[in-house]
Amino acid sequence: MSDDLPTAFNITVPPEHVEGHYADFASVWHNNETFILDFVSMSRPPVPTRNDDGTSVARVDAQVVTRVRIPAAQVWEVMKALQTQLGQWESEHPERRQS
């Protein structure tokens, strides 16, 4: 690509990925070169149980439905895009805004 030309991505989604995956939460971690986002779906509701030390906890059985690896250099761009989209969503849904 030439540095003096603007970039226009032509992004397509294969039919088998159009629906996407539902995830209840995401786990984010990193290594030296990459940030990893594990999108996780709960297998069933939390179950009250006890740890080995006797403390009460709610055990959550869950499974990774999608793992996304992002080069460290791209993390800021992803964060800015999420912030932009969240701002737009909050403008459209002011009653659901989180504090």
Protein backbone atom coordinates (compact mmCIF):
# COMPACT_ATOMS: atom_id res chain seq x y z
CA MET A 1 0.00 0.00 0.00
CA SER A 2 1.14 3.49 -0.72
CA ASP A 3 1.49 5.78 2.30
CA ASP A 4 0.06 8.78 0.45
CA LEU A 5 -3.28 7.14 -0.45
CA PRO A 6 -6.21 6.80 1.93
CA THR A 7 -7.21 3.24 2.73
CA ALA A 8 -10.71 1.95 2.00
CA PHE A 9 -11.33 -1.52 3.38
CA ASN A 10 -13.88 -3.73 1.64
CA ILE A 11 -14.88 -6.05 4.49
CA THR A 12 -17.11 -9.05 3.94
CA VAL A 13 -18.49 -11.55 6.45
CA PRO A 14 -18.70 -15.19 5.34
CA PRO A 15 -22.28 -16.49 5.58
CA GLU A 16 -21.39 -18.93 8.37
CA HIS A 17 -20.24 -15.99 10.54
CA VAL A 18 -23.05 -13.50 9.91
CA GLU A 19 -25.06 -14.57 12.96
CA GLY A 20 -22.07 -14.30 15.27
CA HIS A 21 -21.77 -15.74 18.77
CA TYR A 22 -23.50 -14.61 21.93
CA ALA A 23 -21.14 -14.05 24.86
CA ASP A 24 -22.02 -13.29 28.48
CA PHE A 25 -18.61 -11.77 29.17
CA ALA A 26 -15.07 -11.44 27.88
CA SER A 27 -11.75 -12.31 29.45
CA VAL A 28 -8.85 -10.14 28.27
CA TRP A 29 -5.20 -11.08 28.69
CA HIS A 30 -1.90 -10.55 26.87
CA ASN A 31 1.53 -11.88 26.10
CA ASN A 32 4.55 -9.97 24.74
CA GLU A 33 3.11 -9.38 21.25
CA THR A 34 -0.64 -9.95 21.40
CA PHE A 35 -3.79 -9.12 23.34
CA ILE A 36 -6.21 -12.03 23.55
CA LEU A 37 -9.96 -11.62 24.00
CA ASP A 38 -11.83 -14.76 25.00
CA PHE A 39 -15.57 -14.27 24.53
CA VAL A 40 -17.33 -16.59 26.95
CA SER A 41 -20.85 -17.99 27.21
CA MET A 42 -22.18 -19.45 30.45
CA SER A 43 -23.16 -23.12 30.18
CA ARG A 44 -25.71 -22.86 33.00
CA PRO A 45 -26.64 -20.51 35.85
CA PRO A 46 -24.13 -20.02 38.67
CA VAL A 47 -24.10 -22.77 41.31
CA PRO A 48 -23.42 -21.99 44.99
CA THR A 49 -20.43 -24.02 46.20
CA ARG A 50 -17.44 -23.82 48.55
CA ASN A 51 -13.74 -23.36 47.80
CA ASP A 52 -11.12 -25.68 49.30
CA ASP A 53 -10.71 -23.18 52.16
CA GLY A 54 -14.45 -23.33 52.93
CA THR A 55 -15.42 -19.91 51.60
CA SER A 56 -18.69 -19.69 49.70
CA VAL A 57 -18.53 -18.88 45.98
CA ALA A 58 -20.82 -19.08 42.99
CA ARG A 59 -19.26 -21.47 40.46
CA VAL A 60 -19.88 -20.44 36.86
CA ASP A 61 -19.49 -23.10 34.21
CA ALA A 62 -18.66 -21.37 30.95
CA GLN A 63 -17.06 -22.00 27.57
CA VAL A 64 -15.06 -19.81 25.21
CA VAL A 65 -17.18 -19.32 22.08
CA THR A 66 -14.65 -17.16 20.24
CA ARG A 67 -11.01 -16.21 20.82
CA VAL A 68 -9.72 -13.09 19.10
CA ARG A 69 -6.01 -12.25 18.97
CA ILE A 70 -5.11 -8.60 18.38
CA PRO A 71 -1.58 -7.33 17.71
CA ALA A 72 -0.52 -5.05 20.56
CA ALA A 73 -0.11 -2.16 18.11
CA GLN A 74 -3.83 -2.37 17.24
CA VAL A 75 -5.26 -2.35 20.78
CA TRP A 76 -5.55 1.45 20.93
CA GLU A 77 -7.50 1.48 17.66
CA VAL A 78 -9.88 -1.18 19.00
CA MET A 79 -10.36 0.81 22.22
CA LYS A 80 -11.10 4.01 20.29
CA ALA A 81 -13.60 2.19 18.06
CA LEU A 82 -15.35 0.70 21.11
CA GLN A 83 -15.46 4.11 22.79
CA THR A 84 -16.96 5.69 19.67
CA GLN A 85 -19.59 2.96 19.32
CA LEU A 86 -20.43 3.08 23.04
CA GLY A 87 -20.92 6.85 22.82
CA GLN A 88 -23.27 6.44 19.88
CA TRP A 89 -25.19 3.68 21.68
CA GLU A 90 -25.52 5.82 24.82
CA SER A 91 -26.89 8.69 22.71
CA GLU A 92 -29.48 6.34 21.21
CA HIS A 93 -30.35 4.74 24.59
CA PRO A 94 -29.96 7.41 27.30
CA GLU A 95 -32.17 5.46 29.71
CA ARG A 96 -29.73 2.53 29.71
CA ARG A 97 -26.55 4.51 30.28
CA GLN A 98 -24.27 3.01 32.94
CA SER A 99 -22.62 5.29 35.49
